[in-house]
PDB file of N, CA and C in Angstrom:
ATOM      1  N   UNK A   1      56.532   4.905  30.502  1.00  0.00           N
ATOM      2  CA  UNK A   1      55.182   5.774  31.157  1.00  0.00           C
ATOM      3  C   UNK A   1      54.440   6.313  30.249  1.00  0.00           C
ATOM      4  N   UNK A   2      53.070   6.355  30.443  1.00  0.00           N
ATOM      5  CA  UNK A   2      51.869   6.753  29.374  1.00  0.00           C
ATOM      6  C   UNK A   2      52.217   7.985  29.535  1.00  0.00           C
ATOM      7  N   UNK A   3      51.500   8.433  28.443  1.00  0.00           N
ATOM      8  CA  UNK A   3      51.424  10.209  28.477  1.00  0.00           C
ATOM      9  C   UNK A   3      50.647  10.845  29.159  1.00  0.00           C
ATOM     10  N   UNK A   4      49.429   9.832  29.794  1.00  0.00           N
ATOM     11  CA  UNK A   4      48.675  10.611  30.851  1.00  0.00           C
ATOM     12  C   UNK A   4      49.545  10.791  31.952  1.00  0.00           C
ATOM     13  N   UNK A   5      50.631   9.808  32.454  1.00  0.00           N
ATOM     14  CA  UNK A   5      51.143   9.756  33.545  1.00  0.00           C
ATOM     15  C   UNK A   5      52.071  10.997  33.516  1.00  0.00           C
ATOM     16  N   UNK A   6      52.683  11.153  32.590  1.00  0.00           N
ATOM     17  CA  UNK A   6      53.506  12.105  32.264  1.00  0.00           C
ATOM     18  C   UNK A   6      53.038  13.879  31.960  1.00  0.00           C
ATOM     19  N   UNK A   7      51.551  13.838  31.554  1.00  0.00           N
ATOM     20  CA  UNK A   7      50.849  14.667  31.837  1.00  0.00           C
ATOM     21  C   UNK A   7      50.893  15.287  33.146  1.00  0.00           C
ATOM     22  N   UNK A   8      50.527  14.137  33.799  1.00  0.00           N
ATOM     23  CA  UNK A   8      50.204  14.467  35.546  1.00  0.00           C
ATOM     24  C   UNK A   8      51.117  14.927  36.161  1.00  0.00           C
ATOM     25  N   UNK A   9      52.281  14.243  36.148  1.00  0.00           N
ATOM     26  CA  UNK A   9      53.489  14.747  36.445  1.00  0.00           C
ATOM     27  C   UNK A   9      53.960  16.209  36.470  1.00  0.00           C
ATOM     28  N   UNK A  10      53.758  16.613  34.965  1.00  0.00           N
ATOM     29  CA  UNK A  10      54.176  17.988  34.504  1.00  0.00           C
ATOM     30  C   UNK A  10      53.257  19.011  35.243  1.00  0.00           C
ATOM     31  N   UNK A  11      51.853  18.484  35.169  1.00  0.00           N
ATOM     32  CA  UNK A  11      50.946  19.520  35.983  1.00  0.00           C
ATOM     33  C   UNK A  11      51.673  19.818  37.699  1.00  0.00           C
ATOM     34  N   UNK A  12      52.042  18.129  37.932  1.00  0.00           N
ATOM     35  CA  UNK A  12      52.062  18.695  39.691  1.00  0.00           C
ATOM     36  C   UNK A  12      53.608  19.032  39.479  1.00  0.00           C
ATOM     37  N   UNK A  13      54.202  19.321  38.846  1.00  0.00           N
ATOM     38  CA  UNK A  13      55.609  20.074  38.888  1.00  0.00           C
ATOM     39  C   UNK A  13      55.645  21.360  38.890  1.00  0.00           C
ATOM     40  N   UNK A  14      54.414  21.840  38.133  1.00  0.00           N
ATOM     41  CA  UNK A  14      54.032  23.241  38.048  1.00  0.00           C
ATOM     42  C   UNK A  14      53.836  23.822  39.495  1.00  0.00           C
ATOM     43  N   UNK A  15      53.040  23.129  40.430  1.00  0.00           N
ATOM     44  CA  UNK A  15      52.277  23.353  41.332  1.00  0.00           C
ATOM     45  C   UNK A  15      53.755  23.881  42.400  1.00  0.00           C
ATOM     46  N   UNK A  16      53.098  25.198  42.901  1.00  0.00           N
ATOM     47  CA  UNK A  16      54.307  26.162  43.762  1.00  0.00           C
ATOM     48  C   UNK A  16      54.274  25.277  45.228  1.00  0.00           C
ATOM     49  N   UNK A  17      55.725  24.957  45.437  1.00  0.00           N
ATOM     50  CA  UNK A  17      55.833  23.951  47.122  1.00  0.00           C
ATOM     51  C   UNK A  17      55.422  24.182  48.163  1.00  0.00           C
ATOM     52  N   UNK A  18      54.632  25.663  48.278  1.00  0.00           N
ATOM     53  CA  UNK A  18      53.685  25.725  49.522  1.00  0.00           C
ATOM     54  C   UNK A  18      52.290  24.944  49.395  1.00  0.00           C
ATOM     55  N   UNK A  19      51.951  24.494  47.983  1.00  0.00           N
ATOM     56  CA  UNK A  19      50.523  24.277  47.994  1.00  0.00           C
ATOM     57  C   UNK A  19      50.598  22.282  47.580  1.00  0.00           C
ATOM     58  N   UNK A  20      52.249  21.914  47.649  1.00  0.00           N
ATOM     59  CA  UNK A  20      52.433  20.683  47.505  1.00  0.00           C
ATOM     60  C   UNK A  20      51.783  19.682  48.691  1.00  0.00           C
ATOM     61  N   UNK A  21      51.493  20.117  49.978  1.00  0.00           N
ATOM     62  CA  UNK A  21      50.652  19.357  50.907  1.00  0.00           C
ATOM     63  C   UNK A  21      49.171  19.279  50.475  1.00  0.00           C
ATOM     64  N   UNK A  22      48.484  20.173  49.716  1.00  0.00           N
ATOM     65  CA  UNK A  22      47.315  20.116  49.238  1.00  0.00           C
ATOM     66  C   UNK A  22      47.442  18.815  48.167  1.00  0.00           C
ATOM     67  N   UNK A  23      48.157  19.102  47.259  1.00  0.00           N
ATOM     68  CA  UNK A  23      48.710  17.953  46.380  1.00  0.00           C
ATOM     69  C   UNK A  23      48.811  16.573  46.481  1.00  0.00           C
ATOM     70  N   UNK A  24      49.476  16.559  47.677  1.00  0.00           N
ATOM     71  CA  UNK A  24      49.742  15.371  48.087  1.00  0.00           C
ATOM     72  C   UNK A  24      48.764  14.766  49.038  1.00  0.00           C
ATOM     73  N   UNK A  25      47.726  15.170  49.928  1.00  0.00           N
ATOM     74  CA  UNK A  25      46.722  14.930  50.383  1.00  0.00           C
ATOM     75  C   UNK A  25      46.077  14.347  49.419  1.00  0.00           C
ATOM     76  N   UNK A  26      45.113  15.295  48.507  1.00  0.00           N
ATOM     77  CA  UNK A  26      44.423  14.897  47.286  1.00  0.00           C
ATOM     78  C   UNK A  26      45.136  13.346  46.580  1.00  0.00           C
ATOM     79  N   UNK A  27      46.422  13.334  46.209  1.00  0.00           N
ATOM     80  CA  UNK A  27      46.583  11.953  45.720  1.00  0.00           C
ATOM     81  C   UNK A  27      46.649  10.931  46.721  1.00  0.00           C
ATOM     82  N   UNK A  28      46.748  11.187  47.927  1.00  0.00           N
ATOM     83  CA  UNK A  28      46.692  10.233  48.992  1.00  0.00           C
ATOM     84  C   UNK A  28      45.751   9.495  49.133  1.00  0.00           C
ATOM     85  N   UNK A  29      44.435  10.750  48.800  1.00  0.00           N
ATOM     86  CA  UNK A  29      43.073  10.310  49.199  1.00  0.00           C
ATOM     87  C   UNK A  29      42.414   9.310  47.975  1.00  0.00           C
ATOM     88  N   UNK A  30      42.853   9.663  46.816  1.00  0.00           N
ATOM     89  CA  UNK A  30      42.800   8.930  45.380  1.00  0.00           C
ATOM     90  C   UNK A  30      43.377   7.691  45.444  1.00  0.00           C
ATOM     91  N   UNK A  31      44.176   7.687  46.030  1.00  0.00           N
ATOM     92  CA  UNK A  31      45.145   6.121  46.414  1.00  0.00           C
ATOM     93  C   UNK A  31      44.266   5.316  46.907  1.00  0.00           C
ATOM     94  N   UNK A  32      43.814   5.775  48.269  1.00  0.00           N
ATOM     95  CA  UNK A  32      43.159   5.106  48.991  1.00  0.00           C
ATOM     96  C   UNK A  32      41.469   4.556  48.258  1.00  0.00           C
ATOM     97  N   UNK A  33      41.020   5.362  47.182  1.00  0.00           N
ATOM     98  CA  UNK A  33      39.826   4.791  46.601  1.00  0.00           C
ATOM     99  C   UNK A  33      40.056   3.396  45.610  1.00  0.00           C
ATOM    100  N   UNK A  34      41.314   3.412  45.324  1.00  0.00           N
ATOM    101  CA  UNK A  34      41.695   2.718  44.289  1.00  0.00           C
ATOM    102  C   UNK A  34      42.308   1.327  44.921  1.00  0.00           C
ATOM    103  N   UNK A  35      42.460   1.161  46.280  1.00  0.00           N
ATOM    104  CA  UNK A  35      43.112   0.267  46.531  1.00  0.00           C
ATOM    105  C   UNK A  35      42.034  -1.063  46.130  1.00  0.00           C
ATOM    106  N   UNK A  36      42.570  -2.348  45.658  1.00  0.00           N
ATOM    107  CA  UNK A  36      41.639  -3.559  45.585  1.00  0.00           C
ATOM    108  C   UNK A  36      40.941  -3.936  47.156  1.00  0.00           C
ATOM    109  N   UNK A  37      39.834  -4.205  46.714  1.00  0.00           N
ATOM    110  CA  UNK A  37      39.075  -4.888  48.007  1.00  0.00           C
ATOM    111  C   UNK A  37      38.399  -5.827  47.643  1.00  0.00           C
ATOM    112  N   UNK A  38      38.611  -6.813  48.741  1.00  0.00           N
ATOM    113  CA  UNK A  38      37.889  -8.278  48.787  1.00  0.00           C
ATOM    114  C   UNK A  38      36.627  -8.243  48.745  1.00  0.00           C
ATOM    115  N   UNK A  39      36.147  -9.364  48.302  1.00  0.00           N
ATOM    116  CA  UNK A  39      34.524  -9.213  47.942  1.00  0.00           C
ATOM    117  C   UNK A  39      34.088  -9.408  49.217  1.00  0.00           C
ATOM    118  N   UNK A  40      34.516  -9.879  50.383  1.00  0.00           N
ATOM    119  CA  UNK A  40      33.763  -9.667  51.824  1.00  0.00           C
ATOM    120  C   UNK A  40      33.659  -8.339  52.324  1.00  0.00           C
ATOM    121  N   UNK A  41      34.905  -7.440  51.791  1.00  0.00           N
ATOM    122  CA  UNK A  41      34.860  -5.844  52.311  1.00  0.00           C
ATOM    123  C   UNK A  41      33.696  -5.433  51.913  1.00  0.00           C
ATOM    124  N   UNK A  42      33.767  -5.549  50.393  1.00  0.00           N
ATOM    125  CA  UNK A  42      32.781  -4.696  49.359  1.00  0.00           C
ATOM    126  C   UNK A  42      31.384  -5.238  49.972  1.00  0.00           C
ATOM    127  N   UNK A  43      31.033  -6.489  50.332  1.00  0.00           N
ATOM    128  CA  UNK A  43      29.793  -6.704  50.979  1.00  0.00           C
ATOM    129  C   UNK A  43      29.903  -5.707  52.309  1.00  0.00           C
ATOM    130  N   UNK A  44      30.656  -5.938  52.897  1.00  0.00           N
ATOM    131  CA  UNK A  44      30.451  -5.358  54.409  1.00  0.00           C
ATOM    132  C   UNK A  44      30.484  -3.779  54.149  1.00  0.00           C
ATOM    133  N   UNK A  45      30.764  -3.664  53.045  1.00  0.00           N
ATOM    134  CA  UNK A  45      30.395  -2.100  53.174  1.00  0.00           C
ATOM    135  C   UNK A  45      29.137  -1.724  52.384  1.00  0.00           C
ATOM    136  N   UNK A  46      28.881  -2.304  51.485  1.00  0.00           N
ATOM    137  CA  UNK A  46      27.571  -2.235  51.132  1.00  0.00           C
ATOM    138  C   UNK A  46      26.345  -2.565  52.157  1.00  0.00           C
ATOM    139  N   UNK A  47      26.330  -3.588  53.041  1.00  0.00           N
ATOM    140  CA  UNK A  47      25.614  -3.933  54.047  1.00  0.00           C
ATOM    141  C   UNK A  47      25.490  -2.387  54.818  1.00  0.00           C
ATOM    142  N   UNK A  48      26.823  -2.075  55.194  1.00  0.00           N
ATOM    143  CA  UNK A  48      26.979  -0.759  56.210  1.00  0.00           C
ATOM    144  C   UNK A  48      26.111   0.433  55.083  1.00  0.00           C
ATOM    145  N   UNK A  49      26.061   0.709  54.076  1.00  0.00           N
ATOM    146  CA  UNK A  49      25.929   1.833  53.163  1.00  0.00           C
ATOM    147  C   UNK A  49      23.900   1.703  53.547  1.00  0.00           C
ATOM    148  N   UNK A  50      23.388   0.191  53.297  1.00  0.00           N
ATOM    149  CA  UNK A  50      22.126   0.029  53.406  1.00  0.00           C
ATOM    150  C   UNK A  50      21.488   0.072  54.795  1.00  0.00           C
ATOM    151  N   UNK A  51      22.670  -0.220  55.652  1.00  0.00           N
ATOM    152  CA  UNK A  51      21.805   0.078  57.241  1.00  0.00           C
ATOM    153  C   UNK A  51      21.767   1.693  57.328  1.00  0.00           C
ATOM    154  N   UNK A  52      22.744   2.395  56.723  1.00  0.00           N
ATOM    155  CA  UNK A  52      22.316   3.744  57.274  1.00  0.00           C
ATOM    156  C   UNK A  52      21.419   4.639  56.181  1.00  0.00           C
ATOM    157  N   UNK A  53      21.305   3.971  55.297  1.00  0.00           N
ATOM    158  CA  UNK A  53      19.988   4.262  54.612  1.00  0.00           C
ATOM    159  C   UNK A  53      18.713   4.243  54.971  1.00  0.00           C
ATOM    160  N   UNK A  54      18.525   2.752  55.903  1.00  0.00           N
ATOM    161  CA  UNK A  54      17.244   2.642  56.164  1.00  0.00           C
ATOM    162  C   UNK A  54      17.171   3.620  57.554  1.00  0.00           C
ATOM    163  N   UNK A  55      18.287   3.529  58.149  1.00  0.00           N
ATOM    164  CA  UNK A  55      18.354   4.630  59.250  1.00  0.00           C
ATOM    165  C   UNK A  55      17.659   6.241  59.150  1.00  0.00           C
ATOM    166  N   UNK A  56      18.395   6.532  58.031  1.00  0.00           N
ATOM    167  CA  UNK A  56      17.631   7.596  57.699  1.00  0.00           C
ATOM    168  C   UNK A  56      16.205   7.708  56.928  1.00  0.00           C
ATOM    169  N   UNK A  57      15.539   6.443  56.494  1.00  0.00           N
ATOM    170  CA  UNK A  57      14.444   6.487  56.190  1.00  0.00           C
ATOM    171  C   UNK A  57      13.179   6.071  57.171  1.00  0.00           C
ATOM    172  N   UNK A  58      14.092   5.496  58.283  1.00  0.00           N
ATOM    173  CA  UNK A  58      13.026   5.557  59.275  1.00  0.00           C
ATOM    174  C   UNK A  58      12.013   6.526  60.024  1.00  0.00           C
ATOM    175  N   UNK A  59      12.639   7.732  60.104  1.00  0.00           N
ATOM    176  CA  UNK A  59      11.685   8.485  60.459  1.00  0.00           C
ATOM    177  C   UNK A  59      10.424   8.839  59.400  1.00  0.00           C
ATOM    178  N   UNK A  60      10.602   8.782  58.362  1.00  0.00           N
ATOM    179  CA  UNK A  60       9.665   8.980  57.143  1.00  0.00           C
ATOM    180  C   UNK A  60       8.743   7.763  56.718  1.00  0.00           C
ATOM    181  N   UNK A  61       9.312   6.545  57.065  1.00  0.00           N
ATOM    182  CA  UNK A  61       8.474   5.508  56.980  1.00  0.00           C
ATOM    183  C   UNK A  61       6.878   5.617  57.289  1.00  0.00           C
ATOM    184  N   UNK A  62       6.218   6.100  58.424  1.00  0.00           N
ATOM    185  CA  UNK A  62       5.219   6.520  58.980  1.00  0.00           C
ATOM    186  C   UNK A  62       4.647   7.177  58.132  1.00  0.00           C
ATOM    187  N   UNK A  63       5.098   7.970  57.564  1.00  0.00           N
ATOM    188  CA  UNK A  63       4.735   9.310  56.944  1.00  0.00           C
ATOM    189  C   UNK A  63       3.504   8.863  55.499  1.00  0.00           C
ATOM    190  N   UNK A  64       3.677   7.906  55.004  1.00  0.00           N
ATOM    191  CA  UNK A  64       3.134   7.426  54.209  1.00  0.00           C
ATOM    192  C   UNK A  64       1.974   6.412  54.525  1.00  0.00           C
ATOM    193  N   UNK A  65       1.305   6.297  53.494  1.00  0.00           N
ATOM    194  CA  UNK A  65      -0.202   5.209  53.619  1.00  0.00           C
ATOM    195  C   UNK A  65       0.890   4.149  53.552  1.00  0.00           C
ATOM    196  N   UNK A  66       0.129   2.711  54.295  1.00  0.00           N
ATOM    197  CA  UNK A  66       0.691   1.414  54.214  1.00  0.00           C
ATOM    198  C   UNK A  66       0.444   1.135  52.681  1.00  0.00           C
ATOM    199  N   UNK A  67      -0.562   1.471  52.129  1.00  0.00           N
ATOM    200  CA  UNK A  67      -0.890   1.131  50.477  1.00  0.00           C
ATOM    201  C   UNK A  67       0.287   1.492  49.288  1.00  0.00           C
ATOM    202  N   UNK A  68       0.810   2.514  50.075  1.00  0.00           N
ATOM    203  CA  UNK A  68       1.606   3.561  49.010  1.00  0.00           C
ATOM    204  C   UNK A  68       2.869   2.408  48.128  1.00  0.00           C
ATOM    205  N   UNK A  69       2.129   2.854  46.813  1.00  0.00           N
ATOM    206  CA  UNK A  69       2.822   2.132  46.071  1.00  0.00           C
ATOM    207  C   UNK A  69       3.976   2.952  45.277  1.00  0.00           C
ATOM    208  N   UNK A  70       5.120   2.965  45.322  1.00  0.00           N
ATOM    209  CA  UNK A  70       6.149   4.079  44.781  1.00  0.00           C
ATOM    210  C   UNK A  70       6.279   3.862  43.210  1.00  0.00           C
ATOM    211  N   UNK A  71       6.376   2.591  42.849  1.00  0.00           N
ATOM    212  CA  UNK A  71       6.410   2.581  41.517  1.00  0.00           C
ATOM    213  C   UNK A  71       5.294   3.095  40.657  1.00  0.00           C
ATOM    214  N   UNK A  72       3.864   2.993  41.093  1.00  0.00           N
ATOM    215  CA  UNK A  72       2.642   3.414  40.527  1.00  0.00           C
ATOM    216  C   UNK A  72       2.697   5.049  40.897  1.00  0.00           C
ATOM    217  N   UNK A  73       3.163   5.590  41.798  1.00  0.00           N
ATOM    218  CA  UNK A  73       3.139   6.831  41.961  1.00  0.00           C
ATOM    219  C   UNK A  73       4.266   7.645  40.693  1.00  0.00           C
ATOM    220  N   UNK A  74       5.083   6.880  40.614  1.00  0.00           N
ATOM    221  CA  UNK A  74       6.157   7.432  39.578  1.00  0.00           C
ATOM    222  C   UNK A  74       5.746   7.279  38.250  1.00  0.00           C
ATOM    223  N   UNK A  75       4.958   6.168  37.781  1.00  0.00           N
ATOM    224  CA  UNK A  75       4.244   5.817  36.677  1.00  0.00           C
ATOM    225  C   UNK A  75       3.426   7.006  36.237  1.00  0.00           C
ATOM    226  N   UNK A  76       2.257   7.302  37.046  1.00  0.00           N
ATOM    227  CA  UNK A  76       1.275   8.685  37.173  1.00  0.00           C
ATOM    228  C   UNK A  76       2.211   9.688  36.864  1.00  0.00           C
ATOM    229  N   UNK A  77       3.175   9.915  37.633  1.00  0.00           N
ATOM    230  CA  UNK A  77       4.050  11.315  37.676  1.00  0.00           C
ATOM    231  C   UNK A  77       4.622  11.291  36.266  1.00  0.00           C
ATOM    232  N   UNK A  78       5.112  10.464  35.816  1.00  0.00           N
ATOM    233  CA  UNK A  78       5.816  10.385  34.314  1.00  0.00           C
ATOM    234  C   UNK A  78       4.592  10.695  33.340  1.00  0.00           C
ATOM    235  N   UNK A  79       3.809   9.927  33.250  1.00  0.00           N
ATOM    236  CA  UNK A  79       2.370  10.046  32.650  1.00  0.00           C
ATOM    237  C   UNK A  79       1.821  11.623  32.697  1.00  0.00           C
ATOM    238  N   UNK A  80       1.791  12.008  33.643  1.00  0.00           N
ATOM    239  CA  UNK A  80       1.273  13.462  34.127  1.00  0.00           C
ATOM    240  C   UNK A  80       2.153  14.369  33.316  1.00  0.00           C
ATOM    241  N   UNK A  81       3.503  14.481  33.614  1.00  0.00           N
ATOM    242  CA  UNK A  81       4.544  15.431  33.553  1.00  0.00           C
ATOM    243  C   UNK A  81       5.028  15.378  31.838  1.00  0.00           C
ATOM    244  N   UNK A  82       5.159  14.106  31.599  1.00  0.00           N
ATOM    245  CA  UNK A  82       5.838  13.678  30.110  1.00  0.00           C
ATOM    246  C   UNK A  82       5.132  13.171  29.261  1.00  0.00           C
ATOM    247  N   UNK A  83       3.933  12.587  29.785  1.00  0.00           N
ATOM    248  CA  UNK A  83       2.939  12.143  28.568  1.00  0.00           C
ATOM    249  C   UNK A  83       3.539  10.558  28.352  1.00  0.00           C
ATOM    250  N   UNK A  84       4.518   9.958  29.187  1.00  0.00           N
ATOM    251  CA  UNK A  84       4.935   8.602  29.190  1.00  0.00           C
ATOM    252  C   UNK A  84       4.772   7.412  30.151  1.00  0.00           C
ATOM    253  N   UNK A  85       4.787   6.414  29.952  1.00  0.00           N
ATOM    254  CA  UNK A  85       4.741   5.583  31.324  1.00  0.00           C
ATOM    255  C   UNK A  85       6.122   5.267  31.491  1.00  0.00           C
TER     256      UNK A  85
END
């Protein structure tokens, strides 16, 4: 067992029994985040996240002029604020 695992186990052992449900829920949540995910699942999740972003952006899209250049605006802001491009 590595030193890190031993340290983690020692911390868990010091938790009171009435709080172990909290510890267990957090460990299970962490475990879910570290499960291996295949390439297709990653792609599906990325596309789903992108779709959510587009959904959030839709109401604001019409508020900017058609010729709005985000990169140009950022460059001008940086020059004005920090004196750099």
